[in-house]
Amino acid sequence: MSHPSMSEFDIIFAGGGATACVIAGRLAACDPSLRILILEAGPHTLNIAAHVQPYQFPFHQAPTSTTVTFNIANPSARLNGRSPVVSCGHCVGGASNVNFQAYTRAPASDFDDWAVDGWESKTLIPLMKKLETYEVQPDRPTHGYDGPIKISSGGYKLGIAQEFIDVGMAYHKRPYADDTNDLETCNTYSPWAKYIDGATGRRSDAAHHYVYNQAHNPNLQIWAGKRVKRVIFENKRAVGVEFTNDPLSCPDADQSSSTVIASKLVVVSAGAFGSPTILERSGIGAKAVLKRCGIEQLVNLPGVGENYQGVFSLIYVTTLT
């Protein structure tokens, strides 16, 4: 499932995070004859304790971590001259295999406010339900109960967690709710559900529940430690990708480039930071940026790599003496 043995596939995914795992896994399950390749720069996560034991999530944020990429921005005056750091998954399954496992869904009105065809809440709710098995409460109309991703309370509740909610309700005067992820309820206190299988206690992630569980299918391959450099085009049609061994995952491996051909489709699925850089290295982007990097422009698309909006973590370390 993970050893390069073919030079041509039907579909190639450039990046093996959560998106690639879900789409590739569903395609393979629908049509096992499809030859599908996932190229992921980071390492495998199959049954590795750091990726399946929920309590180990903080270790992925260590400065020496090889399962997370730390994207360091320019210094900002609003941060007193410091540089914000945004971490992204660098492993098969992406952030779903290294994140804090916090189950959070936006209100339906947020999706409707986008006013984009196909992204309305009425279209997305059936997909949200298809994704999950909601173990927290039964018979909730906006939750699913037979999907691959398990949602639970995490298996154990500390008394201090309930005390935290009680104090919040007393001082902020917000009500309690059993479910703040029903796509309607807002501004309430509630226990936080998690992407954890309540029966096994394991992290519930995209890699194990969409692709690793199809190891019996030789047509679905995952090549870990392979960083995509660019998409190969012929007459503006994507026909393959050029890749190399990732220097972080494979520090002692040959760094020369290789190519693999896609007969049907190339999917760029390397995340909010990885996908724009692949597109730009492929000649898709703003002319000024590509010219500065010595890349011949194939498609003029100035928005590539611009207007990023996201979150970054603030980790506090306290010492008691």
C-alpha atoms as a PDB file:
ATOM      1  CA  MET A   1       0.000   0.000   0.000  1.00  0.00           C
ATOM      2  CA  SER A   2       2.918   2.341   0.493  1.00  0.00           C
ATOM      3  CA  HIS A   3       5.787   1.193  -1.738  1.00  0.00           C
ATOM      4  CA  PRO A   4       6.313   2.846  -5.151  1.00  0.00           C
ATOM      5  CA  SER A   5       5.658   0.131  -7.711  1.00  0.00           C
ATOM      6  CA  MET A   6       3.686   1.911 -10.433  1.00  0.00           C
ATOM      7  CA  SER A   7       4.467   4.875 -12.665  1.00  0.00           C
ATOM      8  CA  GLU A   8       0.908   5.679 -13.769  1.00  0.00           C
ATOM      9  CA  PHE A   9      -2.343   6.056 -11.865  1.00  0.00           C
ATOM     10  CA  ASP A  10      -5.855   7.202 -12.659  1.00  0.00           C
ATOM     11  CA  ILE A  11      -5.948   9.821  -9.889  1.00  0.00           C
ATOM     12  CA  ILE A  12      -3.064  11.396  -7.963  1.00  0.00           C
ATOM     13  CA  PHE A  13      -3.488  13.366  -4.741  1.00  0.00           C
ATOM     14  CA  ALA A  14      -0.738  15.903  -4.131  1.00  0.00           C
ATOM     15  CA  GLY A  15      -0.841  15.923  -0.352  1.00  0.00           C
ATOM     16  CA  GLY A  16      -2.130  13.247   2.007  1.00  0.00           C
ATOM     17  CA  GLY A  17      -3.952  15.144   4.736  1.00  0.00           C
ATOM     18  CA  ALA A  18      -7.544  14.775   5.899  1.00  0.00           C
ATOM     19  CA  THR A  19      -9.084  15.974   2.620  1.00  0.00           C
ATOM     20  CA  ALA A  20      -7.083  13.568   0.486  1.00  0.00           C
ATOM     21  CA  CYS A  21      -7.786  10.629   2.791  1.00  0.00           C
ATOM     22  CA  VAL A  22     -11.538  11.237   2.779  1.00  0.00           C
ATOM     23  CA  ILE A  23     -11.870  11.740  -0.974  1.00  0.00           C
ATOM     24  CA  ALA A  24      -9.415   9.015  -1.987  1.00  0.00           C
ATOM     25  CA  GLY A  25     -10.932   6.573   0.472  1.00  0.00           C
ATOM     26  CA  ARG A  26     -14.479   7.189  -0.715  1.00  0.00           C
ATOM     27  CA  LEU A  27     -13.460   6.891  -4.371  1.00  0.00           C
ATOM     28  CA  ALA A  28     -11.601   3.642  -3.715  1.00  0.00           C
ATOM     29  CA  ALA A  29     -14.545   2.207  -1.788  1.00  0.00           C
ATOM     30  CA  CYS A  30     -16.921   3.182  -4.604  1.00  0.00           C
ATOM     31  CA  ASP A  31     -14.729   1.792  -7.387  1.00  0.00           C
ATOM     32  CA  PRO A  32     -11.841  -0.451  -6.203  1.00  0.00           C
ATOM     33  CA  SER A  33     -10.546  -0.685  -9.773  1.00  0.00           C
ATOM     34  CA  LEU A  34      -9.501   2.976  -9.742  1.00  0.00           C
ATOM     35  CA  ARG A  35      -5.720   3.319  -9.451  1.00  0.00           C
ATOM     36  CA  ILE A  36      -5.303   6.005  -6.798  1.00  0.00           C
ATOM     37  CA  LEU A  37      -2.061   7.426  -5.425  1.00  0.00           C
ATOM     38  CA  ILE A  38      -1.647   9.654  -2.373  1.00  0.00           C
ATOM     39  CA  LEU A  39       1.694  11.470  -2.119  1.00  0.00           C
ATOM     40  CA  GLU A  40       2.359  12.742   1.413  1.00  0.00           C
ATOM     41  CA  ALA A  41       5.496  14.565   2.546  1.00  0.00           C
ATOM     42  CA  GLY A  42       5.127  13.451   6.142  1.00  0.00           C
ATOM     43  CA  PRO A  43       5.409   9.989   7.700  1.00  0.00           C
ATOM     44  CA  HIS A  44       2.862   7.205   8.053  1.00  0.00           C
ATOM     45  CA  THR A  45       0.554   7.213  11.083  1.00  0.00           C
ATOM     46  CA  LEU A  46      -0.822   3.660  10.954  1.00  0.00           C
ATOM     47  CA  ASN A  47      -1.342   2.401  14.526  1.00  0.00           C
ATOM     48  CA  ILE A  48       1.438   4.645  15.845  1.00  0.00           C
ATOM     49  CA  ALA A  49       0.805   5.432  19.503  1.00  0.00           C
ATOM     50  CA  ALA A  50       1.423   9.168  19.152  1.00  0.00           C
ATOM     51  CA  HIS A  51      -1.370   9.323  16.570  1.00  0.00           C
ATOM     52  CA  VAL A  52      -3.974   6.994  18.074  1.00  0.00           C
ATOM     53  CA  GLN A  53      -3.617   7.671  21.813  1.00  0.00           C
ATOM     54  CA  PRO A  54      -5.520  10.909  22.492  1.00  0.00           C
ATOM     55  CA  TYR A  55      -3.374  12.098  25.392  1.00  0.00           C
ATOM     56  CA  GLN A  56      -0.284  12.347  23.205  1.00  0.00           C
ATOM     57  CA  PHE A  57      -1.547  15.254  21.094  1.00  0.00           C
ATOM     58  CA  PRO A  58       0.698  17.905  22.779  1.00  0.00           C
ATOM     59  CA  PHE A  59       3.865  16.101  21.681  1.00  0.00           C
ATOM     60  CA  HIS A  60       3.156  16.992  18.058  1.00  0.00           C
ATOM     61  CA  GLN A  61       3.553  20.681  18.944  1.00  0.00           C
ATOM     62  CA  ALA A  62       7.110  20.231  20.217  1.00  0.00           C
ATOM     63  CA  PRO A  63       9.713  22.280  18.283  1.00  0.00           C
ATOM     64  CA  THR A  64      11.430  19.032  17.232  1.00  0.00           C
ATOM     65  CA  SER A  65       8.229  17.481  15.866  1.00  0.00           C
ATOM     66  CA  THR A  66       8.393  15.855  12.420  1.00  0.00           C
ATOM     67  CA  THR A  67       4.615  15.376  12.181  1.00  0.00           C
ATOM     68  CA  VAL A  68       3.793  19.092  12.099  1.00  0.00           C
ATOM     69  CA  THR A  69       5.059  21.895   9.876  1.00  0.00           C
ATOM     70  CA  PHE A  70       5.501  25.228  11.640  1.00  0.00           C
ATOM     71  CA  ASN A  71       4.796  28.109   9.250  1.00  0.00           C
ATOM     72  CA  ILE A  72       6.475  31.231  10.598  1.00  0.00           C
ATOM     73  CA  ALA A  73       5.077  34.564   9.412  1.00  0.00           C
ATOM     74  CA  ASN A  74       6.770  37.928   9.195  1.00  0.00           C
ATOM     75  CA  PRO A  75       7.140  39.864  12.464  1.00  0.00           C
ATOM     76  CA  SER A  76       4.087  41.917  13.340  1.00  0.00           C
ATOM     77  CA  ALA A  77       3.929  45.214  15.207  1.00  0.00           C
ATOM     78  CA  ARG A  78       0.616  44.057  16.665  1.00  0.00           C
ATOM     79  CA  LEU A  79       2.502  41.196  18.320  1.00  0.00           C
ATOM     80  CA  ASN A  80       5.214  43.476  19.673  1.00  0.00           C
ATOM     81  CA  GLY A  81       7.566  42.509  16.860  1.00  0.00           C
ATOM     82  CA  ARG A  82       7.036  38.784  17.230  1.00  0.00           C
ATOM     83  CA  SER A  83       6.195  36.338  14.425  1.00  0.00           C
ATOM     84  CA  PRO A  84       2.970  34.338  14.531  1.00  0.00           C
ATOM     85  CA  VAL A  85       3.418  30.625  13.968  1.00  0.00           C
ATOM     86  CA  VAL A  86       0.739  28.494  12.324  1.00  0.00           C
ATOM     87  CA  SER A  87       1.150  24.731  12.571  1.00  0.00           C
ATOM     88  CA  CYS A  88      -0.124  22.303   9.933  1.00  0.00           C
ATOM     89  CA  GLY A  89      -0.205  18.533   9.819  1.00  0.00           C
ATOM     90  CA  HIS A  90       2.842  16.864   8.233  1.00  0.00           C
ATOM     91  CA  CYS A  91       1.790  13.215   8.164  1.00  0.00           C
ATOM     92  CA  VAL A  92      -0.713  10.847   6.564  1.00  0.00           C
ATOM     93  CA  GLY A  93      -4.104  12.082   7.734  1.00  0.00           C
ATOM     94  CA  GLY A  94      -2.834  15.614   8.256  1.00  0.00           C
ATOM     95  CA  ALA A  95      -4.241  17.645  11.119  1.00  0.00           C
ATOM     96  CA  SER A  96      -6.859  14.986  11.881  1.00  0.00           C
ATOM     97  CA  ASN A  97      -3.992  12.835  13.192  1.00  0.00           C
ATOM     98  CA  VAL A  98      -2.239  15.491  15.303  1.00  0.00           C
ATOM     99  CA  ASN A  99      -4.858  18.041  16.409  1.00  0.00           C
ATOM    100  CA  PHE A 100      -6.475  18.501  19.809  1.00  0.00           C
ATOM    101  CA  GLN A 101      -9.457  16.307  18.782  1.00  0.00           C
ATOM    102  CA  ALA A 102     -11.942  19.042  19.682  1.00  0.00           C
ATOM    103  CA  TYR A 103     -15.276  18.521  17.929  1.00  0.00           C
ATOM    104  CA  THR A 104     -16.522  21.903  16.722  1.00  0.00           C
ATOM    105  CA  ARG A 105     -19.120  22.767  14.085  1.00  0.00           C
ATOM    106  CA  ALA A 106     -20.129  26.253  12.995  1.00  0.00           C
ATOM    107  CA  PRO A 107     -23.795  27.330  13.126  1.00  0.00           C
ATOM    108  CA  ALA A 108     -25.783  26.673   9.985  1.00  0.00           C
ATOM    109  CA  SER A 109     -26.235  30.415   9.535  1.00  0.00           C
ATOM    110  CA  ASP A 110     -22.480  30.849   9.021  1.00  0.00           C
ATOM    111  CA  PHE A 111     -22.589  28.632   5.945  1.00  0.00           C
ATOM    112  CA  ASP A 112     -25.744  30.299   4.651  1.00  0.00           C
ATOM    113  CA  ASP A 113     -24.159  33.738   5.046  1.00  0.00           C
ATOM    114  CA  TRP A 114     -21.539  32.761   2.469  1.00  0.00           C
ATOM    115  CA  ALA A 115     -24.351  32.727  -0.128  1.00  0.00           C
ATOM    116  CA  VAL A 116     -22.379  30.302  -2.306  1.00  0.00           C
ATOM    117  CA  ASP A 117     -24.208  27.632  -4.310  1.00  0.00           C
ATOM    118  CA  GLY A 118     -23.458  24.181  -2.959  1.00  0.00           C
ATOM    119  CA  TRP A 119     -22.249  25.460   0.416  1.00  0.00           C
ATOM    120  CA  GLU A 120     -25.637  26.136   1.977  1.00  0.00           C
ATOM    121  CA  SER A 121     -26.363  24.422   5.279  1.00  0.00           C
ATOM    122  CA  LYS A 122     -29.151  22.364   3.706  1.00  0.00           C
ATOM    123  CA  THR A 123     -26.558  20.865   1.357  1.00  0.00           C
ATOM    124  CA  LEU A 124     -23.839  20.399   3.956  1.00  0.00           C
ATOM    125  CA  ILE A 125     -25.847  18.931   6.853  1.00  0.00           C
ATOM    126  CA  PRO A 126     -26.439  15.563   5.110  1.00  0.00           C
ATOM    127  CA  LEU A 127     -22.687  15.335   4.493  1.00  0.00           C
ATOM    128  CA  MET A 128     -21.908  16.211   8.114  1.00  0.00           C
ATOM    129  CA  LYS A 129     -24.264  13.470   9.247  1.00  0.00           C
ATOM    130  CA  LYS A 130     -22.754  10.967   6.815  1.00  0.00           C
ATOM    131  CA  LEU A 131     -19.288  11.626   8.254  1.00  0.00           C
ATOM    132  CA  GLU A 132     -19.969  10.780  11.904  1.00  0.00           C
ATOM    133  CA  THR A 133     -21.192   8.367  14.498  1.00  0.00           C
ATOM    134  CA  TYR A 134     -22.334  10.680  17.296  1.00  0.00           C
ATOM    135  CA  GLU A 135     -22.029   8.803  20.579  1.00  0.00           C
ATOM    136  CA  VAL A 136     -22.762  11.681  22.962  1.00  0.00           C
ATOM    137  CA  GLN A 137     -26.576  11.741  22.760  1.00  0.00           C
ATOM    138  CA  PRO A 138     -29.032   9.695  20.677  1.00  0.00           C
ATOM    139  CA  ASP A 139     -31.597  10.841  18.139  1.00  0.00           C
ATOM    140  CA  ARG A 140     -30.290  14.333  17.424  1.00  0.00           C
ATOM    141  CA  PRO A 141     -31.609  15.512  14.021  1.00  0.00           C
ATOM    142  CA  THR A 142     -28.425  17.256  12.876  1.00  0.00           C
ATOM    143  CA  HIS A 143     -26.052  14.467  13.910  1.00  0.00           C
ATOM    144  CA  GLY A 144     -25.182  11.206  12.167  1.00  0.00           C
ATOM    145  CA  TYR A 145     -25.099   7.769  13.755  1.00  0.00           C
ATOM    146  CA  ASP A 146     -23.508   5.395  11.248  1.00  0.00           C
ATOM    147  CA  GLY A 147     -20.500   7.272   9.820  1.00  0.00           C
ATOM    148  CA  PRO A 148     -16.822   6.315  10.040  1.00  0.00           C
ATOM    149  CA  ILE A 149     -15.704   9.110  12.411  1.00  0.00           C
ATOM    150  CA  LYS A 150     -16.646   8.536  16.065  1.00  0.00           C
ATOM    151  CA  ILE A 151     -17.626  11.466  18.299  1.00  0.00           C
ATOM    152  CA  SER A 152     -17.749  10.923  22.064  1.00  0.00           C
ATOM    153  CA  SER A 153     -17.261  12.642  25.404  1.00  0.00           C
ATOM    154  CA  GLY A 154     -13.800  11.082  25.558  1.00  0.00           C
ATOM    155  CA  GLY A 155     -14.619   8.307  28.004  1.00  0.00           C
ATOM    156  CA  TYR A 156     -13.811  10.071  31.272  1.00  0.00           C
ATOM    157  CA  LYS A 157     -15.009  13.301  32.833  1.00  0.00           C
ATOM    158  CA  LEU A 158     -13.080  15.174  35.490  1.00  0.00           C
ATOM    159  CA  GLY A 159     -14.994  16.861  38.254  1.00  0.00           C
ATOM    160  CA  ILE A 160     -13.076  20.066  37.661  1.00  0.00           C
ATOM    161  CA  ALA A 161     -14.524  20.230  34.134  1.00  0.00           C
ATOM    162  CA  GLN A 162     -18.071  20.494  35.525  1.00  0.00           C
ATOM    163  CA  GLU A 163     -16.858  23.031  38.078  1.00  0.00           C
ATOM    164  CA  PHE A 164     -15.458  25.136  35.231  1.00  0.00           C
ATOM    165  CA  ILE A 165     -18.863  25.150  33.530  1.00  0.00           C
ATOM    166  CA  ASP A 166     -20.638  25.974  36.794  1.00  0.00           C
ATOM    167  CA  VAL A 167     -18.360  28.943  37.476  1.00  0.00           C
ATOM    168  CA  GLY A 168     -18.801  30.228  33.929  1.00  0.00           C
ATOM    169  CA  MET A 169     -22.569  30.045  34.171  1.00  0.00           C
ATOM    170  CA  ALA A 170     -22.504  31.870  37.502  1.00  0.00           C
ATOM    171  CA  TYR A 171     -20.367  34.785  36.328  1.00  0.00           C
ATOM    172  CA  HIS A 172     -21.192  35.123  32.624  1.00  0.00           C
ATOM    173  CA  LYS A 173     -24.877  34.294  33.004  1.00  0.00           C
ATOM    174  CA  ARG A 174     -24.926  32.098  29.923  1.00  0.00           C
ATOM    175  CA  PRO A 175     -27.170  29.021  29.968  1.00  0.00           C
ATOM    176  CA  TYR A 176     -26.134  25.377  29.845  1.00  0.00           C
ATOM    177  CA  ALA A 177     -26.761  23.260  26.746  1.00  0.00           C
ATOM    178  CA  ASP A 178     -26.311  19.549  26.148  1.00  0.00           C
ATOM    179  CA  ASP A 179     -25.097  20.196  22.607  1.00  0.00           C
ATOM    180  CA  THR A 180     -23.488  23.367  21.277  1.00  0.00           C
ATOM    181  CA  ASN A 181     -22.694  21.613  17.982  1.00  0.00           C
ATOM    182  CA  ASP A 182     -26.278  21.115  16.805  1.00  0.00           C
ATOM    183  CA  LEU A 183     -25.719  23.895  14.209  1.00  0.00           C
ATOM    184  CA  GLU A 184     -28.147  26.218  16.000  1.00  0.00           C
ATOM    185  CA  THR A 185     -27.177  26.690  19.660  1.00  0.00           C
ATOM    186  CA  CYS A 186     -24.709  29.491  20.421  1.00  0.00           C
ATOM    187  CA  ASN A 187     -23.360  31.359  23.446  1.00  0.00           C
ATOM    188  CA  THR A 188     -23.917  28.578  25.955  1.00  0.00           C
ATOM    189  CA  TYR A 189     -21.766  26.388  28.186  1.00  0.00           C
ATOM    190  CA  SER A 190     -21.454  22.730  27.346  1.00  0.00           C
ATOM    191  CA  PRO A 191     -19.017  19.815  27.704  1.00  0.00           C
ATOM    192  CA  TRP A 192     -16.761  19.592  24.666  1.00  0.00           C
ATOM    193  CA  ALA A 193     -17.209  16.465  22.575  1.00  0.00           C
ATOM    194  CA  LYS A 194     -14.120  14.934  20.975  1.00  0.00           C
ATOM    195  CA  TYR A 195     -12.979  12.988  17.939  1.00  0.00           C
ATOM    196  CA  ILE A 196     -12.424   9.911  20.082  1.00  0.00           C
ATOM    197  CA  ASP A 197     -13.976   6.448  19.762  1.00  0.00           C
ATOM    198  CA  GLY A 198     -15.861   5.967  23.014  1.00  0.00           C
ATOM    199  CA  ALA A 199     -15.514   2.176  22.836  1.00  0.00           C
ATOM    200  CA  THR A 200     -11.795   1.902  22.085  1.00  0.00           C
ATOM    201  CA  GLY A 201     -10.490   5.220  23.423  1.00  0.00           C
ATOM    202  CA  ARG A 202      -8.560   5.809  20.180  1.00  0.00           C
ATOM    203  CA  ARG A 203      -8.368   9.013  18.169  1.00  0.00           C
ATOM    204  CA  SER A 204     -10.895   8.958  15.347  1.00  0.00           C
ATOM    205  CA  ASP A 205      -9.055  10.305  12.295  1.00  0.00           C
ATOM    206  CA  ALA A 206      -9.279  10.424   8.524  1.00  0.00           C
ATOM    207  CA  ALA A 207      -6.281   8.183   7.812  1.00  0.00           C
ATOM    208  CA  HIS A 208      -7.407   5.125   9.772  1.00  0.00           C
ATOM    209  CA  HIS A 209     -11.084   5.362   8.866  1.00  0.00           C
ATOM    210  CA  TYR A 210     -10.835   6.143   5.151  1.00  0.00           C
ATOM    211  CA  VAL A 211      -7.598   4.749   3.700  1.00  0.00           C
ATOM    212  CA  TYR A 212      -5.700   2.531   6.133  1.00  0.00           C
ATOM    213  CA  ASN A 213      -8.805   0.377   6.483  1.00  0.00           C
ATOM    214  CA  GLN A 214      -8.566  -0.404   2.755  1.00  0.00           C
ATOM    215  CA  ALA A 215      -5.113  -1.953   2.842  1.00  0.00           C
ATOM    216  CA  HIS A 216      -6.571  -4.955   1.016  1.00  0.00           C
ATOM    217  CA  ASN A 217      -6.934  -2.841  -2.136  1.00  0.00           C
ATOM    218  CA  PRO A 218      -3.611  -2.752  -4.050  1.00  0.00           C
ATOM    219  CA  ASN A 219      -4.943   0.010  -6.304  1.00  0.00           C
ATOM    220  CA  LEU A 220      -5.029   2.477  -3.398  1.00  0.00           C
ATOM    221  CA  GLN A 221      -1.444   3.427  -2.617  1.00  0.00           C
ATOM    222  CA  ILE A 222       0.078   5.860  -0.142  1.00  0.00           C
ATOM    223  CA  TRP A 223       3.643   6.970  -0.698  1.00  0.00           C
ATOM    224  CA  ALA A 224       4.768   8.658   2.507  1.00  0.00           C
ATOM    225  CA  GLY A 225       7.810  10.921   2.705  1.00  0.00           C
ATOM    226  CA  LYS A 226       7.220  12.214  -0.844  1.00  0.00           C
ATOM    227  CA  ARG A 227       6.971  15.976  -1.309  1.00  0.00           C
ATOM    228  CA  VAL A 228       5.224  17.186  -4.469  1.00  0.00           C
ATOM    229  CA  LYS A 229       7.214  19.882  -6.233  1.00  0.00           C
ATOM    230  CA  ARG A 230       4.824  20.723  -9.057  1.00  0.00           C
ATOM    231  CA  VAL A 231       1.989  19.555 -11.279  1.00  0.00           C
ATOM    232  CA  ILE A 232       3.023  18.538 -14.800  1.00  0.00           C
ATOM    233  CA  PHE A 233       0.905  20.034 -17.585  1.00  0.00           C
ATOM    234  CA  GLU A 234       0.484  19.246 -21.263  1.00  0.00           C
ATOM    235  CA  ASN A 235      -1.464  21.930 -23.136  1.00  0.00           C
ATOM    236  CA  LYS A 236      -2.790  23.199 -19.792  1.00  0.00           C
ATOM    237  CA  ARG A 237      -4.086  19.753 -18.828  1.00  0.00           C
ATOM    238  CA  ALA A 238      -2.682  18.210 -15.649  1.00  0.00           C
ATOM    239  CA  VAL A 239      -1.102  14.878 -16.557  1.00  0.00           C
ATOM    240  CA  GLY A 240       1.069  14.079 -13.536  1.00  0.00           C
ATOM    241  CA  VAL A 241       3.280  15.407 -10.772  1.00  0.00           C
ATOM    242  CA  GLU A 242       6.959  15.807 -10.023  1.00  0.00           C
ATOM    243  CA  PHE A 243       8.029  14.865  -6.501  1.00  0.00           C
ATOM    244  CA  THR A 244      11.070  14.249  -4.354  1.00  0.00           C
ATOM    245  CA  ASN A 245      11.883  12.675  -1.000  1.00  0.00           C
ATOM    246  CA  ASP A 246      10.927  14.980   1.837  1.00  0.00           C
ATOM    247  CA  PRO A 247      14.120  16.120   3.601  1.00  0.00           C
ATOM    248  CA  LEU A 248      12.473  16.089   7.037  1.00  0.00           C
ATOM    249  CA  SER A 249      10.861  12.658   6.739  1.00  0.00           C
ATOM    250  CA  CYS A 250      13.707  11.106   4.738  1.00  0.00           C
ATOM    251  CA  PRO A 251      16.871  13.067   5.663  1.00  0.00           C
ATOM    252  CA  ASP A 252      19.254  10.467   4.257  1.00  0.00           C
ATOM    253  CA  ALA A 253      17.362   9.741   1.038  1.00  0.00           C
ATOM    254  CA  ASP A 254      18.251  10.860  -2.467  1.00  0.00           C
ATOM    255  CA  GLN A 255      16.739  14.287  -3.187  1.00  0.00           C
ATOM    256  CA  SER A 256      16.527  13.886  -6.965  1.00  0.00           C
ATOM    257  CA  SER A 257      13.132  14.348  -8.613  1.00  0.00           C
ATOM    258  CA  SER A 258      10.785  11.657  -9.893  1.00  0.00           C
ATOM    259  CA  THR A 259       7.553  11.840 -11.866  1.00  0.00           C
ATOM    260  CA  VAL A 260       4.330   9.882 -11.857  1.00  0.00           C
ATOM    261  CA  ILE A 261       1.546  10.102 -14.436  1.00  0.00           C
ATOM    262  CA  ALA A 262      -2.199  10.631 -13.880  1.00  0.00           C
ATOM    263  CA  SER A 263      -4.481   9.414 -16.659  1.00  0.00           C
ATOM    264  CA  LYS A 264      -7.641  11.040 -15.295  1.00  0.00           C
ATOM    265  CA  LEU A 265      -7.067  13.645 -12.600  1.00  0.00           C
ATOM    266  CA  VAL A 266      -4.586  15.427 -10.325  1.00  0.00           C
ATOM    267  CA  VAL A 267      -5.988  16.706  -7.032  1.00  0.00           C
ATOM    268  CA  VAL A 268      -3.929  19.354  -5.225  1.00  0.00           C
ATOM    269  CA  SER A 269      -4.720  18.636  -1.569  1.00  0.00           C
ATOM    270  CA  ALA A 270      -1.749  19.903   0.425  1.00  0.00           C
ATOM    271  CA  GLY A 271      -3.604  22.281   2.730  1.00  0.00           C
ATOM    272  CA  ALA A 272      -3.886  26.044   3.071  1.00  0.00           C
ATOM    273  CA  PHE A 273      -0.104  26.484   2.927  1.00  0.00           C
ATOM    274  CA  GLY A 274       1.015  23.559   0.793  1.00  0.00           C
ATOM    275  CA  SER A 275      -1.518  23.817  -2.041  1.00  0.00           C
ATOM    276  CA  PRO A 276      -0.737  27.435  -3.043  1.00  0.00           C
ATOM    277  CA  THR A 277       3.004  26.730  -3.156  1.00  0.00           C
ATOM    278  CA  ILE A 278       2.450  23.683  -5.386  1.00  0.00           C
ATOM    279  CA  LEU A 279       0.284  25.768  -7.705  1.00  0.00           C
ATOM    280  CA  GLU A 280       2.863  28.558  -7.870  1.00  0.00           C
ATOM    281  CA  ARG A 281       5.725  26.142  -8.534  1.00  0.00           C
ATOM    282  CA  SER A 282       3.520  24.751 -11.329  1.00  0.00           C
ATOM    283  CA  GLY A 283       3.155  28.175 -12.958  1.00  0.00           C
ATOM    284  CA  ILE A 284      -0.266  29.058 -11.583  1.00  0.00           C
ATOM    285  CA  GLY A 285      -0.393  32.353  -9.704  1.00  0.00           C
ATOM    286  CA  ALA A 286       0.433  36.046  -9.804  1.00  0.00           C
ATOM    287  CA  LYS A 287       2.862  37.080 -12.541  1.00  0.00           C
ATOM    288  CA  ALA A 288       5.039  39.196 -10.235  1.00  0.00           C
ATOM    289  CA  VAL A 289       5.463  36.377  -7.709  1.00  0.00           C
ATOM    290  CA  LEU A 290       6.304  33.771 -10.332  1.00  0.00           C
ATOM    291  CA  LYS A 291       8.714  36.089 -12.142  1.00  0.00           C
ATOM    292  CA  ARG A 292      10.557  36.799  -8.904  1.00  0.00           C
ATOM    293  CA  CYS A 293      10.996  33.050  -8.405  1.00  0.00           C
ATOM    294  CA  GLY A 294      12.028  32.382 -12.000  1.00  0.00           C
ATOM    295  CA  ILE A 295       8.917  30.338 -12.808  1.00  0.00           C
ATOM    296  CA  GLU A 296       7.243  30.535 -16.205  1.00  0.00           C
ATOM    297  CA  GLN A 297       3.604  31.520 -15.802  1.00  0.00           C
ATOM    298  CA  LEU A 298       1.056  29.057 -17.139  1.00  0.00           C
ATOM    299  CA  VAL A 299      -2.119  30.587 -15.699  1.00  0.00           C
ATOM    300  CA  ASN A 300      -2.522  34.137 -14.399  1.00  0.00           C
ATOM    301  CA  LEU A 301      -4.272  33.667 -11.056  1.00  0.00           C
ATOM    302  CA  PRO A 302      -3.281  36.505  -8.687  1.00  0.00           C
ATOM    303  CA  GLY A 303      -5.269  35.201  -5.696  1.00  0.00           C
ATOM    304  CA  VAL A 304      -3.072  32.143  -5.189  1.00  0.00           C
ATOM    305  CA  GLY A 305      -1.364  32.286  -1.807  1.00  0.00           C
ATOM    306  CA  GLU A 306      -3.084  35.526  -0.768  1.00  0.00           C
ATOM    307  CA  ASN A 307      -5.633  36.507   1.889  1.00  0.00           C
ATOM    308  CA  TYR A 308      -4.968  33.638   4.267  1.00  0.00           C
ATOM    309  CA  GLN A 309      -7.222  33.622   7.319  1.00  0.00           C
ATOM    310  CA  GLY A 310      -6.804  31.051  10.035  1.00  0.00           C
ATOM    311  CA  VAL A 311      -5.919  30.413  13.624  1.00  0.00           C
ATOM    312  CA  PHE A 312      -2.745  29.788  15.537  1.00  0.00           C
ATOM    313  CA  SER A 313      -2.249  28.339  18.975  1.00  0.00           C
ATOM    314  CA  LEU A 314      -1.040  30.110  22.061  1.00  0.00           C
ATOM    315  CA  ILE A 315       0.560  27.621  24.426  1.00  0.00           C
ATOM    316  CA  TYR A 316       1.159  28.775  27.968  1.00  0.00           C
ATOM    317  CA  VAL A 317       3.750  27.105  30.157  1.00  0.00           C
ATOM    318  CA  THR A 318       3.404  27.712  33.891  1.00  0.00           C
ATOM    319  CA  THR A 319       5.785  26.748  36.648  1.00  0.00           C
ATOM    320  CA  LEU A 320       4.811  26.297  40.269  1.00  0.00           C
ATOM    321  CA  THR A 321       7.537  26.807  42.863  1.00  0.00           C
END
